[in-house]
Amino acid sequence: MYHFLKEKNMGKNKFVYKILVLIIIVIFASLVIAPAVSVIIRNKQIKKLQAEENNQSVENAEGAEVVVEEEGVVE
């Protein structure tokens, strides 16, 4: 790699080197960012589902009639 950078066409090779480094940085950044974004999206979906379940349980509680059955205790 050192020989590659010490050639006579330093300007051309420097440009190629910068492009390779940029590509490597983009690959590593995508490997880090993609899982983080998927976790954030999953958490939002879970919160949304929990909110929907809470709303449904509140609606069911408001519309339901309370029936209390008394059991006879035989001694």
C-alpha atoms as a PDB file:
ATOM      1  CA  MET A   1       0.000   0.000   0.000  1.00  0.00           C
ATOM      2  CA  TYR A   2       2.886   2.346   0.794  1.00  0.00           C
ATOM      3  CA  HIS A   3       4.428   1.699  -2.628  1.00  0.00           C
ATOM      4  CA  PHE A   4       1.063   2.495  -4.213  1.00  0.00           C
ATOM      5  CA  LEU A   5       1.117   5.958  -2.596  1.00  0.00           C
ATOM      6  CA  LYS A   6       4.784   6.700  -3.434  1.00  0.00           C
ATOM      7  CA  GLU A   7       4.467   6.378  -7.219  1.00  0.00           C
ATOM      8  CA  LYS A   8       5.101   9.308  -9.585  1.00  0.00           C
ATOM      9  CA  ASN A   9       1.399   9.888 -10.278  1.00  0.00           C
ATOM     10  CA  MET A  10       0.765  11.008  -6.702  1.00  0.00           C
ATOM     11  CA  GLY A  11      -2.165  13.286  -7.548  1.00  0.00           C
ATOM     12  CA  LYS A  12      -4.057  10.584  -9.422  1.00  0.00           C
ATOM     13  CA  ASN A  13      -3.397   7.932  -6.770  1.00  0.00           C
ATOM     14  CA  LYS A  14      -4.361  10.313  -3.971  1.00  0.00           C
ATOM     15  CA  PHE A  15      -7.729  10.808  -5.660  1.00  0.00           C
ATOM     16  CA  VAL A  16      -8.264   7.044  -5.947  1.00  0.00           C
ATOM     17  CA  TYR A  17      -7.206   6.603  -2.308  1.00  0.00           C
ATOM     18  CA  LYS A  18      -9.686   9.257  -1.150  1.00  0.00           C
ATOM     19  CA  ILE A  19     -12.495   7.559  -3.085  1.00  0.00           C
ATOM     20  CA  LEU A  20     -11.652   4.172  -1.539  1.00  0.00           C
ATOM     21  CA  VAL A  21     -11.593   5.670   1.958  1.00  0.00           C
ATOM     22  CA  LEU A  22     -14.913   7.400   1.312  1.00  0.00           C
ATOM     23  CA  ILE A  23     -16.496   4.146   0.130  1.00  0.00           C
ATOM     24  CA  ILE A  24     -15.227   2.314   3.226  1.00  0.00           C
ATOM     25  CA  ILE A  25     -16.587   5.052   5.522  1.00  0.00           C
ATOM     26  CA  VAL A  26     -19.993   4.907   3.823  1.00  0.00           C
ATOM     27  CA  ILE A  27     -20.133   1.117   4.194  1.00  0.00           C
ATOM     28  CA  PHE A  28     -19.288   1.217   7.904  1.00  0.00           C
ATOM     29  CA  ALA A  29     -21.707   4.084   8.517  1.00  0.00           C
ATOM     30  CA  SER A  30     -24.508   2.163   6.832  1.00  0.00           C
ATOM     31  CA  LEU A  31     -23.717  -0.884   8.964  1.00  0.00           C
ATOM     32  CA  VAL A  32     -24.110   1.242  12.096  1.00  0.00           C
ATOM     33  CA  ILE A  33     -27.044   3.426  11.044  1.00  0.00           C
ATOM     34  CA  ALA A  34     -29.307   0.760   9.509  1.00  0.00           C
ATOM     35  CA  PRO A  35     -29.788  -1.308  12.708  1.00  0.00           C
ATOM     36  CA  ALA A  36     -30.306   1.850  14.766  1.00  0.00           C
ATOM     37  CA  VAL A  37     -33.021   3.073  12.405  1.00  0.00           C
ATOM     38  CA  SER A  38     -34.748  -0.315  12.439  1.00  0.00           C
ATOM     39  CA  VAL A  39     -34.756  -0.324  16.257  1.00  0.00           C
ATOM     40  CA  ILE A  40     -36.244   3.179  16.339  1.00  0.00           C
ATOM     41  CA  ILE A  41     -38.962   2.209  13.846  1.00  0.00           C
ATOM     42  CA  ARG A  42     -39.759  -0.987  15.776  1.00  0.00           C
ATOM     43  CA  ASN A  43     -40.052   0.952  19.060  1.00  0.00           C
ATOM     44  CA  LYS A  44     -42.439   3.426  17.450  1.00  0.00           C
ATOM     45  CA  GLN A  45     -44.587   0.581  16.121  1.00  0.00           C
ATOM     46  CA  ILE A  46     -44.657  -1.093  19.535  1.00  0.00           C
ATOM     47  CA  LYS A  47     -45.698   2.167  21.216  1.00  0.00           C
ATOM     48  CA  LYS A  48     -48.394   2.677  18.581  1.00  0.00           C
ATOM     49  CA  LEU A  49     -49.776  -0.834  19.119  1.00  0.00           C
ATOM     50  CA  GLN A  50     -49.737  -0.383  22.892  1.00  0.00           C
ATOM     51  CA  ALA A  51     -51.611   2.905  22.557  1.00  0.00           C
ATOM     52  CA  GLU A  52     -54.208   1.229  20.321  1.00  0.00           C
ATOM     53  CA  GLU A  53     -54.624  -1.606  22.834  1.00  0.00           C
ATOM     54  CA  ASN A  54     -55.053   0.889  25.671  1.00  0.00           C
ATOM     55  CA  ASN A  55     -57.670   2.816  23.688  1.00  0.00           C
ATOM     56  CA  GLN A  56     -59.562  -0.382  22.886  1.00  0.00           C
ATOM     57  CA  SER A  57     -59.505  -1.527  26.497  1.00  0.00           C
ATOM     58  CA  VAL A  58     -60.831   1.874  27.607  1.00  0.00           C
ATOM     59  CA  GLU A  59     -63.594   1.717  24.991  1.00  0.00           C
ATOM     60  CA  ASN A  60     -64.494  -1.835  26.046  1.00  0.00           C
ATOM     61  CA  ALA A  61     -64.589  -0.797  29.689  1.00  0.00           C
ATOM     62  CA  GLU A  62     -66.885   2.150  28.928  1.00  0.00           C
ATOM     63  CA  GLY A  63     -69.315   0.105  26.810  1.00  0.00           C
ATOM     64  CA  ALA A  64     -69.427  -3.017  28.941  1.00  0.00           C
ATOM     65  CA  GLU A  65     -72.064  -3.723  31.485  1.00  0.00           C
ATOM     66  CA  VAL A  66     -70.819  -4.819  34.839  1.00  0.00           C
ATOM     67  CA  VAL A  67     -72.308  -8.124  35.880  1.00  0.00           C
ATOM     68  CA  VAL A  68     -71.633  -9.281  39.409  1.00  0.00           C
ATOM     69  CA  GLU A  69     -72.511 -12.836  40.208  1.00  0.00           C
ATOM     70  CA  GLU A  70     -72.788 -13.807  43.812  1.00  0.00           C
ATOM     71  CA  GLU A  71     -71.816 -17.313  44.677  1.00  0.00           C
ATOM     72  CA  GLY A  72     -73.652 -19.083  47.406  1.00  0.00           C
ATOM     73  CA  VAL A  73     -71.356 -20.306  50.140  1.00  0.00           C
ATOM     74  CA  VAL A  74     -72.376 -23.632  51.628  1.00  0.00           C
ATOM     75  CA  GLU A  75     -70.978 -24.286  55.053  1.00  0.00           C
END
